[in-house]
């Protein structure tokens, strides 16, 4: 089970985005031990929207051919490491 619910993470991120306080202030207010956790949530939300705060429970199984094609794209410079992660989170090809 996830330590923090989607709703809780969204509340914290919304508070940050509404300028209700710094990462450190919000960590104390919401009793989160490490302000870096909030930084990760804000970054994930800014990059992926609500999906960035949701925990994926679906285990993806990729074929050898799929893995090889992704590695080749990365090594050829056609796709960056960050783009690989975005594709993974979105479930893209």
PDB file of N, CA and C in Angstrom:
ATOM      1  N   UNK A   1       0.836  -1.178   0.000  1.00  0.00           N
ATOM      2  CA  UNK A   1       0.000   0.000   0.000  1.00  0.00           C
ATOM      3  C   UNK A   1       0.884   1.247   0.000  1.00  0.00           C
ATOM      4  N   UNK A   2       0.467   2.248  -0.719  1.00  0.00           N
ATOM      5  CA  UNK A   2       1.222   3.486  -0.808  1.00  0.00           C
ATOM      6  C   UNK A   2       1.168   4.226   0.529  1.00  0.00           C
ATOM      7  N   UNK A   3       2.251   4.889   0.860  1.00  0.00           N
ATOM      8  CA  UNK A   3       2.321   5.614   2.122  1.00  0.00           C
ATOM      9  C   UNK A   3       1.405   6.830   2.104  1.00  0.00           C
ATOM     10  N   UNK A   4       1.322   7.503   0.963  1.00  0.00           N
ATOM     11  CA  UNK A   4       0.498   8.699   0.834  1.00  0.00           C
ATOM     12  C   UNK A   4      -0.516   8.487  -0.285  1.00  0.00           C
ATOM     13  N   UNK A   5      -1.744   8.879  -0.045  1.00  0.00           N
ATOM     14  CA  UNK A   5      -2.793   8.725  -1.050  1.00  0.00           C
ATOM     15  C   UNK A   5      -2.637   9.788  -2.134  1.00  0.00           C
ATOM     16  N   UNK A   6      -3.264   9.524  -3.261  1.00  0.00           N
ATOM     17  CA  UNK A   6      -3.283  10.511  -4.352  1.00  0.00           C
ATOM     18  C   UNK A   6      -3.879  11.822  -3.842  1.00  0.00           C
ATOM     19  N   UNK A   7      -4.968  11.733  -3.102  1.00  0.00           N
ATOM     20  CA  UNK A   7      -5.660  12.932  -2.624  1.00  0.00           C
ATOM     21  C   UNK A   7      -4.765  13.774  -1.725  1.00  0.00           C
ATOM     22  N   UNK A   8      -4.013  13.106  -0.861  1.00  0.00           N
ATOM     23  CA  UNK A   8      -3.107  13.825   0.029  1.00  0.00           C
ATOM     24  C   UNK A   8      -2.005  14.516  -0.768  1.00  0.00           C
ATOM     25  N   UNK A   9      -1.391  13.785  -1.694  1.00  0.00           N
ATOM     26  CA  UNK A   9      -0.318  14.367  -2.513  1.00  0.00           C
ATOM     27  C   UNK A   9      -0.846  15.563  -3.310  1.00  0.00           C
ATOM     28  N   UNK A  10      -2.055  15.438  -3.851  1.00  0.00           N
ATOM     29  CA  UNK A  10      -2.657  16.528  -4.640  1.00  0.00           C
ATOM     30  C   UNK A  10      -2.883  17.745  -3.752  1.00  0.00           C
ATOM     31  N   UNK A  11      -3.335  17.528  -2.519  1.00  0.00           N
ATOM     32  CA  UNK A  11      -3.545  18.636  -1.589  1.00  0.00           C
ATOM     33  C   UNK A  11      -2.238  19.377  -1.316  1.00  0.00           C
ATOM     34  N   UNK A  12      -1.172  18.634  -1.106  1.00  0.00           N
ATOM     35  CA  UNK A  12       0.133  19.235  -0.825  1.00  0.00           C
ATOM     36  C   UNK A  12       0.641  19.997  -2.058  1.00  0.00           C
ATOM     37  N   UNK A  13       0.545  19.376  -3.222  1.00  0.00           N
ATOM     38  CA  UNK A  13       1.003  20.022  -4.461  1.00  0.00           C
ATOM     39  C   UNK A  13       0.185  21.283  -4.734  1.00  0.00           C
ATOM     40  N   UNK A  14      -1.122  21.203  -4.545  1.00  0.00           N
ATOM     41  CA  UNK A  14      -1.967  22.383  -4.747  1.00  0.00           C
ATOM     42  C   UNK A  14      -1.568  23.510  -3.804  1.00  0.00           C
ATOM     43  N   UNK A  15      -1.266  23.160  -2.557  1.00  0.00           N
ATOM     44  CA  UNK A  15      -0.839  24.176  -1.589  1.00  0.00           C
ATOM     45  C   UNK A  15       0.450  24.841  -2.063  1.00  0.00           C
ATOM     46  N   UNK A  16       1.385  24.049  -2.571  1.00  0.00           N
ATOM     47  CA  UNK A  16       2.640  24.619  -3.069  1.00  0.00           C
ATOM     48  C   UNK A  16       2.377  25.519  -4.278  1.00  0.00           C
ATOM     49  N   UNK A  17       1.564  25.028  -5.210  1.00  0.00           N
ATOM     50  CA  UNK A  17       1.292  25.797  -6.431  1.00  0.00           C
ATOM     51  C   UNK A  17       0.480  27.065  -6.168  1.00  0.00           C
ATOM     52  N   UNK A  18      -0.210  27.123  -5.027  1.00  0.00           N
ATOM     53  CA  UNK A  18      -0.949  28.324  -4.637  1.00  0.00           C
ATOM     54  C   UNK A  18      -0.095  29.247  -3.766  1.00  0.00           C
ATOM     55  N   UNK A  19       1.206  28.948  -3.713  1.00  0.00           N
ATOM     56  CA  UNK A  19       2.167  29.749  -2.940  1.00  0.00           C
ATOM     57  C   UNK A  19       1.806  29.840  -1.461  1.00  0.00           C
ATOM     58  N   UNK A  20       1.325  28.728  -0.903  1.00  0.00           N
ATOM     59  CA  UNK A  20       0.978  28.707   0.513  1.00  0.00           C
ATOM     60  C   UNK A  20       2.190  28.445   1.398  1.00  0.00           C
ATOM     61  N   UNK A  21       3.343  28.205   0.786  1.00  0.00           N
ATOM     62  CA  UNK A  21       4.549  28.014   1.568  1.00  0.00           C
ATOM     63  C   UNK A  21       5.630  27.314   0.769  1.00  0.00           C
ATOM     64  N   UNK A  22       6.818  27.294   1.342  1.00  0.00           N
ATOM     65  CA  UNK A  22       7.966  26.631   0.718  1.00  0.00           C
ATOM     66  C   UNK A  22       7.853  25.125   0.916  1.00  0.00           C
ATOM     67  N   UNK A  23       8.753  24.386   0.274  1.00  0.00           N
ATOM     68  CA  UNK A  23       8.790  22.933   0.470  1.00  0.00           C
ATOM     69  C   UNK A  23       8.977  22.598   1.946  1.00  0.00           C
ATOM     70  N   UNK A  24       9.892  23.299   2.594  1.00  0.00           N
ATOM     71  CA  UNK A  24      10.167  23.042   4.004  1.00  0.00           C
ATOM     72  C   UNK A  24       8.970  23.353   4.900  1.00  0.00           C
ATOM     73  N   UNK A  25       8.324  24.487   4.648  1.00  0.00           N
ATOM     74  CA  UNK A  25       7.155  24.866   5.435  1.00  0.00           C
ATOM     75  C   UNK A  25       6.036  23.840   5.270  1.00  0.00           C
ATOM     76  N   UNK A  26       5.768  23.444   4.016  1.00  0.00           N
ATOM     77  CA  UNK A  26       4.689  22.497   3.757  1.00  0.00           C
ATOM     78  C   UNK A  26       5.010  21.107   4.322  1.00  0.00           C
ATOM     79  N   UNK A  27       6.284  20.738   4.304  1.00  0.00           N
ATOM     80  CA  UNK A  27       6.676  19.449   4.894  1.00  0.00           C
ATOM     81  C   UNK A  27       6.321  19.438   6.385  1.00  0.00           C
ATOM     82  N   UNK A  28       6.590  20.533   7.073  1.00  0.00           N
ATOM     83  CA  UNK A  28       6.246  20.615   8.499  1.00  0.00           C
ATOM     84  C   UNK A  28       4.733  20.649   8.689  1.00  0.00           C
ATOM     85  N   UNK A  29       4.058  21.449   7.886  1.00  0.00           N
ATOM     86  CA  UNK A  29       2.606  21.600   8.010  1.00  0.00           C
ATOM     87  C   UNK A  29       1.883  20.265   7.803  1.00  0.00           C
ATOM     88  N   UNK A  30       2.319  19.506   6.801  1.00  0.00           N
ATOM     89  CA  UNK A  30       1.648  18.243   6.471  1.00  0.00           C
ATOM     90  C   UNK A  30       2.329  17.024   7.106  1.00  0.00           C
ATOM     91  N   UNK A  31       3.333  17.282   7.950  1.00  0.00           N
ATOM     92  CA  UNK A  31       4.048  16.216   8.670  1.00  0.00           C
ATOM     93  C   UNK A  31       4.690  15.192   7.726  1.00  0.00           C
ATOM     94  N   UNK A  32       5.394  15.737   6.725  1.00  0.00           N
ATOM     95  CA  UNK A  32       6.145  14.909   5.781  1.00  0.00           C
ATOM     96  C   UNK A  32       7.611  15.036   6.189  1.00  0.00           C
ATOM     97  N   UNK A  33       8.281  13.920   6.486  1.00  0.00           N
ATOM     98  CA  UNK A  33       9.632  13.977   7.053  1.00  0.00           C
ATOM     99  C   UNK A  33      10.681  14.672   6.185  1.00  0.00           C
ATOM    100  N   UNK A  34      10.512  14.651   4.878  1.00  0.00           N
ATOM    101  CA  UNK A  34      11.549  15.178   4.003  1.00  0.00           C
ATOM    102  C   UNK A  34      10.939  16.077   2.936  1.00  0.00           C
ATOM    103  N   UNK A  35      11.411  17.320   2.881  1.00  0.00           N
ATOM    104  CA  UNK A  35      10.863  18.257   1.892  1.00  0.00           C
ATOM    105  C   UNK A  35      11.138  17.807   0.464  1.00  0.00           C
ATOM    106  N   UNK A  36      12.154  16.966   0.250  1.00  0.00           N
ATOM    107  CA  UNK A  36      12.462  16.469  -1.100  1.00  0.00           C
ATOM    108  C   UNK A  36      11.300  15.659  -1.662  1.00  0.00           C
ATOM    109  N   UNK A  37      10.522  15.041  -0.772  1.00  0.00           N
ATOM    110  CA  UNK A  37       9.352  14.281  -1.226  1.00  0.00           C
ATOM    111  C   UNK A  37       8.359  15.206  -1.921  1.00  0.00           C
ATOM    112  N   UNK A  38       8.140  16.374  -1.344  1.00  0.00           N
ATOM    113  CA  UNK A  38       7.226  17.346  -1.947  1.00  0.00           C
ATOM    114  C   UNK A  38       7.789  17.839  -3.273  1.00  0.00           C
ATOM    115  N   UNK A  39       9.083  18.069  -3.326  1.00  0.00           N
ATOM    116  CA  UNK A  39       9.710  18.492  -4.581  1.00  0.00           C
ATOM    117  C   UNK A  39       9.455  17.459  -5.675  1.00  0.00           C
ATOM    118  N   UNK A  40       9.570  16.166  -5.345  1.00  0.00           N
ATOM    119  CA  UNK A  40       9.320  15.108  -6.335  1.00  0.00           C
ATOM    120  C   UNK A  40       7.866  15.108  -6.784  1.00  0.00           C
ATOM    121  N   UNK A  41       6.939  15.291  -5.841  1.00  0.00           N
ATOM    122  CA  UNK A  41       5.523  15.316  -6.196  1.00  0.00           C
ATOM    123  C   UNK A  41       5.203  16.492  -7.104  1.00  0.00           C
ATOM    124  N   UNK A  42       5.747  17.662  -6.779  1.00  0.00           N
ATOM    125  CA  UNK A  42       5.499  18.852  -7.596  1.00  0.00           C
ATOM    126  C   UNK A  42       6.067  18.649  -8.998  1.00  0.00           C
ATOM    127  N   UNK A  43       7.267  18.123  -9.078  1.00  0.00           N
ATOM    128  CA  UNK A  43       7.884  17.860 -10.375  1.00  0.00           C
ATOM    129  C   UNK A  43       7.070  16.855 -11.180  1.00  0.00           C
ATOM    130  N   UNK A  44       6.650  15.778 -10.533  1.00  0.00           N
ATOM    131  CA  UNK A  44       5.847  14.760 -11.224  1.00  0.00           C
ATOM    132  C   UNK A  44       4.525  15.347 -11.694  1.00  0.00           C
ATOM    133  N   UNK A  45       3.911  16.177 -10.870  1.00  0.00           N
ATOM    134  CA  UNK A  45       2.634  16.799 -11.243  1.00  0.00           C
ATOM    135  C   UNK A  45       2.826  17.766 -12.410  1.00  0.00           C
ATOM    136  N   UNK A  46       3.887  18.557 -12.353  1.00  0.00           N
ATOM    137  CA  UNK A  46       4.140  19.525 -13.434  1.00  0.00           C
ATOM    138  C   UNK A  46       4.453  18.829 -14.752  1.00  0.00           C
ATOM    139  N   UNK A  47       5.047  17.653 -14.698  1.00  0.00           N
ATOM    140  CA  UNK A  47       5.412  16.917 -15.905  1.00  0.00           C
ATOM    141  C   UNK A  47       4.262  16.077 -16.442  1.00  0.00           C
ATOM    142  N   UNK A  48       3.547  15.383 -15.543  1.00  0.00           N
ATOM    143  CA  UNK A  48       2.551  14.401 -15.981  1.00  0.00           C
ATOM    144  C   UNK A  48       1.124  14.704 -15.546  1.00  0.00           C
ATOM    145  N   UNK A  49       0.913  15.815 -14.850  1.00  0.00           N
ATOM    146  CA  UNK A  49      -0.428  16.120 -14.360  1.00  0.00           C
ATOM    147  C   UNK A  49      -0.829  15.160 -13.252  1.00  0.00           C
ATOM    148  N   UNK A  50      -2.136  14.931 -13.124  1.00  0.00           N
ATOM    149  CA  UNK A  50      -2.639  14.058 -12.060  1.00  0.00           C
ATOM    150  C   UNK A  50      -2.016  12.672 -12.099  1.00  0.00           C
ATOM    151  N   UNK A  51      -1.735  12.161 -13.291  1.00  0.00           N
ATOM    152  CA  UNK A  51      -1.138  10.828 -13.408  1.00  0.00           C
ATOM    153  C   UNK A  51       0.221  10.746 -12.721  1.00  0.00           C
ATOM    154  N   UNK A  52       0.915  11.852 -12.626  1.00  0.00           N
ATOM    155  CA  UNK A  52       2.215  11.863 -11.960  1.00  0.00           C
ATOM    156  C   UNK A  52       2.119  11.607 -10.462  1.00  0.00           C
ATOM    157  N   UNK A  53       0.935  11.815  -9.897  1.00  0.00           N
ATOM    158  CA  UNK A  53       0.738  11.598  -8.464  1.00  0.00           C
ATOM    159  C   UNK A  53       0.085  10.262  -8.160  1.00  0.00           C
ATOM    160  N   UNK A  54      -0.434   9.625  -9.184  1.00  0.00           N
ATOM    161  CA  UNK A  54      -1.092   8.332  -8.979  1.00  0.00           C
ATOM    162  C   UNK A  54      -0.071   7.218  -9.035  1.00  0.00           C
ATOM    163  N   UNK A  55      -0.293   6.233  -8.218  1.00  0.00           N
ATOM    164  CA  UNK A  55       0.599   5.077  -8.175  1.00  0.00           C
ATOM    165  C   UNK A  55       0.101   4.045  -9.167  1.00  0.00           C
ATOM    166  N   UNK A  56       0.967   3.614 -10.031  1.00  0.00           N
ATOM    167  CA  UNK A  56       0.602   2.597 -11.005  1.00  0.00           C
ATOM    168  C   UNK A  56       0.752   1.223 -10.382  1.00  0.00           C
ATOM    169  N   UNK A  57      -0.298   0.438 -10.441  1.00  0.00           N
ATOM    170  CA  UNK A  57      -0.254  -0.902  -9.874  1.00  0.00           C
ATOM    171  C   UNK A  57      -0.159  -1.963 -10.965  1.00  0.00           C
ATOM    172  N   UNK A  58      -0.077  -1.501 -12.190  1.00  0.00           N
ATOM    173  CA  UNK A  58      -0.033  -2.416 -13.322  1.00  0.00           C
ATOM    174  C   UNK A  58       1.414  -2.736 -13.658  1.00  0.00           C
ATOM    175  N   UNK A  59       1.767  -4.005 -13.618  1.00  0.00           N
ATOM    176  CA  UNK A  59       3.128  -4.411 -13.948  1.00  0.00           C
ATOM    177  C   UNK A  59       3.205  -4.656 -15.452  1.00  0.00           C
ATOM    178  N   UNK A  60       4.034  -3.878 -16.104  1.00  0.00           N
ATOM    179  CA  UNK A  60       4.196  -3.998 -17.545  1.00  0.00           C
ATOM    180  C   UNK A  60       5.212  -5.089 -17.871  1.00  0.00           C
ATOM    181  N   UNK A  61       4.902  -5.886 -18.857  1.00  0.00           N
ATOM    182  CA  UNK A  61       5.835  -6.894 -19.348  1.00  0.00           C
ATOM    183  C   UNK A  61       6.120  -6.571 -20.809  1.00  0.00           C
ATOM    184  N   UNK A  62       7.380  -6.316 -21.103  1.00  0.00           N
ATOM    185  CA  UNK A  62       7.789  -5.935 -22.449  1.00  0.00           C
ATOM    186  C   UNK A  62       8.567  -7.074 -23.096  1.00  0.00           C
ATOM    187  N   UNK A  63       8.338  -7.259 -24.369  1.00  0.00           N
ATOM    188  CA  UNK A  63       9.056  -8.288 -25.109  1.00  0.00           C
ATOM    189  C   UNK A  63      10.512  -7.863 -25.294  1.00  0.00           C
ATOM    190  N   UNK A  64      11.355  -8.831 -25.600  1.00  0.00           N
ATOM    191  CA  UNK A  64      12.752  -8.543 -25.873  1.00  0.00           C
ATOM    192  C   UNK A  64      12.867  -7.549 -27.033  1.00  0.00           C
ATOM    193  N   UNK A  65      12.063  -7.747 -28.075  1.00  0.00           N
ATOM    194  CA  UNK A  65      12.110  -6.872 -29.251  1.00  0.00           C
ATOM    195  C   UNK A  65      11.754  -5.432 -28.885  1.00  0.00           C
ATOM    196  N   UNK A  66      10.749  -5.254 -28.025  1.00  0.00           N
ATOM    197  CA  UNK A  66      10.350  -3.918 -27.584  1.00  0.00           C
ATOM    198  C   UNK A  66      11.488  -3.255 -26.808  1.00  0.00           C
ATOM    199  N   UNK A  67      12.100  -3.997 -25.902  1.00  0.00           N
ATOM    200  CA  UNK A  67      13.209  -3.459 -25.119  1.00  0.00           C
ATOM    201  C   UNK A  67      14.372  -3.073 -26.016  1.00  0.00           C
ATOM    202  N   UNK A  68      14.682  -3.929 -26.976  1.00  0.00           N
ATOM    203  CA  UNK A  68      15.784  -3.663 -27.899  1.00  0.00           C
ATOM    204  C   UNK A  68      15.518  -2.402 -28.716  1.00  0.00           C
ATOM    205  N   UNK A  69      14.291  -2.217 -29.187  1.00  0.00           N
ATOM    206  CA  UNK A  69      13.987  -1.040 -30.006  1.00  0.00           C
ATOM    207  C   UNK A  69      14.116   0.245 -29.188  1.00  0.00           C
ATOM    208  N   UNK A  70      13.732   0.209 -27.923  1.00  0.00           N
ATOM    209  CA  UNK A  70      13.861   1.389 -27.065  1.00  0.00           C
ATOM    210  C   UNK A  70      15.334   1.704 -26.816  1.00  0.00           C
ATOM    211  N   UNK A  71      16.135   0.694 -26.546  1.00  0.00           N
ATOM    212  CA  UNK A  71      17.572   0.898 -26.335  1.00  0.00           C
ATOM    213  C   UNK A  71      18.212   1.484 -27.596  1.00  0.00           C
ATOM    214  N   UNK A  72      17.824   0.969 -28.742  1.00  0.00           N
ATOM    215  CA  UNK A  72      18.375   1.486 -30.004  1.00  0.00           C
ATOM    216  C   UNK A  72      17.989   2.946 -30.217  1.00  0.00           C
ATOM    217  N   UNK A  73      16.748   3.311 -29.908  1.00  0.00           N
ATOM    218  CA  UNK A  73      16.329   4.712 -30.018  1.00  0.00           C
ATOM    219  C   UNK A  73      17.169   5.601 -29.110  1.00  0.00           C
ATOM    220  N   UNK A  74      17.384   5.148 -27.892  1.00  0.00           N
ATOM    221  CA  UNK A  74      18.163   5.921 -26.946  1.00  0.00           C
ATOM    222  C   UNK A  74      19.611   6.063 -27.409  1.00  0.00           C
ATOM    223  N   UNK A  75      20.229   4.962 -27.819  1.00  0.00           N
ATOM    224  CA  UNK A  75      21.631   4.997 -28.230  1.00  0.00           C
ATOM    225  C   UNK A  75      21.847   5.807 -29.500  1.00  0.00           C
ATOM    226  N   UNK A  76      20.833   5.856 -30.361  1.00  0.00           N
ATOM    227  CA  UNK A  76      20.966   6.630 -31.598  1.00  0.00           C
ATOM    228  C   UNK A  76      20.749   8.123 -31.371  1.00  0.00           C
ATOM    229  N   UNK A  77      20.306   8.477 -30.165  1.00  0.00           N
ATOM    230  CA  UNK A  77      20.075   9.890 -29.867  1.00  0.00           C
ATOM    231  C   UNK A  77      18.705  10.379 -30.302  1.00  0.00           C
ATOM    232  N   UNK A  78      17.843   9.481 -30.764  1.00  0.00           N
ATOM    233  CA  UNK A  78      16.514   9.874 -31.221  1.00  0.00           C
ATOM    234  C   UNK A  78      15.564  10.155 -30.067  1.00  0.00           C
ATOM    235  N   UNK A  79      15.906   9.662 -28.884  1.00  0.00           N
ATOM    236  CA  UNK A  79      15.047   9.866 -27.727  1.00  0.00           C
ATOM    237  C   UNK A  79      15.939  10.013 -26.494  1.00  0.00           C
ATOM    238  N   UNK A  80      15.587  10.950 -25.609  1.00  0.00           N
ATOM    239  CA  UNK A  80      16.385  11.178 -24.403  1.00  0.00           C
ATOM    240  C   UNK A  80      15.913  10.262 -23.279  1.00  0.00           C
ATOM    241  N   UNK A  81      16.711  10.209 -22.228  1.00  0.00           N
ATOM    242  CA  UNK A  81      16.347   9.404 -21.071  1.00  0.00           C
ATOM    243  C   UNK A  81      15.032   9.900 -20.466  1.00  0.00           C
ATOM    244  N   UNK A  82      14.862  11.220 -20.382  1.00  0.00           N
ATOM    245  CA  UNK A  82      13.639  11.788 -19.835  1.00  0.00           C
ATOM    246  C   UNK A  82      12.431  11.402 -20.689  1.00  0.00           C
ATOM    247  N   UNK A  83      12.607  11.393 -22.009  1.00  0.00           N
ATOM    248  CA  UNK A  83      11.513  10.998 -22.894  1.00  0.00           C
ATOM    249  C   UNK A  83      11.158   9.522 -22.712  1.00  0.00           C
ATOM    250  N   UNK A  84      12.157   8.696 -22.434  1.00  0.00           N
ATOM    251  CA  UNK A  84      11.881   7.283 -22.171  1.00  0.00           C
ATOM    252  C   UNK A  84      10.947   7.138 -20.972  1.00  0.00           C
ATOM    253  N   UNK A  85      11.222   7.900 -19.915  1.00  0.00           N
ATOM    254  CA  UNK A  85      10.383   7.837 -18.718  1.00  0.00           C
ATOM    255  C   UNK A  85       8.988   8.358 -18.992  1.00  0.00           C
ATOM    256  N   UNK A  86       8.874   9.428 -19.786  1.00  0.00           N
ATOM    257  CA  UNK A  86       7.542   9.952 -20.109  1.00  0.00           C
ATOM    258  C   UNK A  86       6.742   8.926 -20.886  1.00  0.00           C
ATOM    259  N   UNK A  87       7.388   8.260 -21.846  1.00  0.00           N
ATOM    260  CA  UNK A  87       6.694   7.249 -22.639  1.00  0.00           C
ATOM    261  C   UNK A  87       6.241   6.096 -21.746  1.00  0.00           C
ATOM    262  N   UNK A  88       7.084   5.725 -20.815  1.00  0.00           N
ATOM    263  CA  UNK A  88       6.750   4.612 -19.904  1.00  0.00           C
ATOM    264  C   UNK A  88       5.532   4.972 -19.061  1.00  0.00           C
ATOM    265  N   UNK A  89       5.539   6.183 -18.484  1.00  0.00           N
ATOM    266  CA  UNK A  89       4.430   6.586 -17.611  1.00  0.00           C
ATOM    267  C   UNK A  89       3.134   6.751 -18.388  1.00  0.00           C
ATOM    268  N   UNK A  90       3.223   7.160 -19.632  1.00  0.00           N
ATOM    269  CA  UNK A  90       2.020   7.338 -20.443  1.00  0.00           C
ATOM    270  C   UNK A  90       1.571   6.048 -21.106  1.00  0.00           C
ATOM    271  N   UNK A  91       2.422   5.047 -21.049  1.00  0.00           N
ATOM    272  CA  UNK A  91       2.082   3.774 -21.700  1.00  0.00           C
ATOM    273  C   UNK A  91       2.239   3.833 -23.193  1.00  0.00           C
ATOM    274  N   UNK A  92       3.061   4.764 -23.676  1.00  0.00           N
ATOM    275  CA  UNK A  92       3.256   4.922 -25.123  1.00  0.00           C
ATOM    276  C   UNK A  92       4.184   3.844 -25.657  1.00  0.00           C
ATOM    277  N   UNK A  93       4.020   3.618 -26.970  1.00  0.00           N
ATOM    278  CA  UNK A  93       4.803   2.673 -27.736  1.00  0.00           C
ATOM    279  C   UNK A  93       6.201   2.594 -27.450  1.00  0.00           C
TER     280      UNK A  93
END
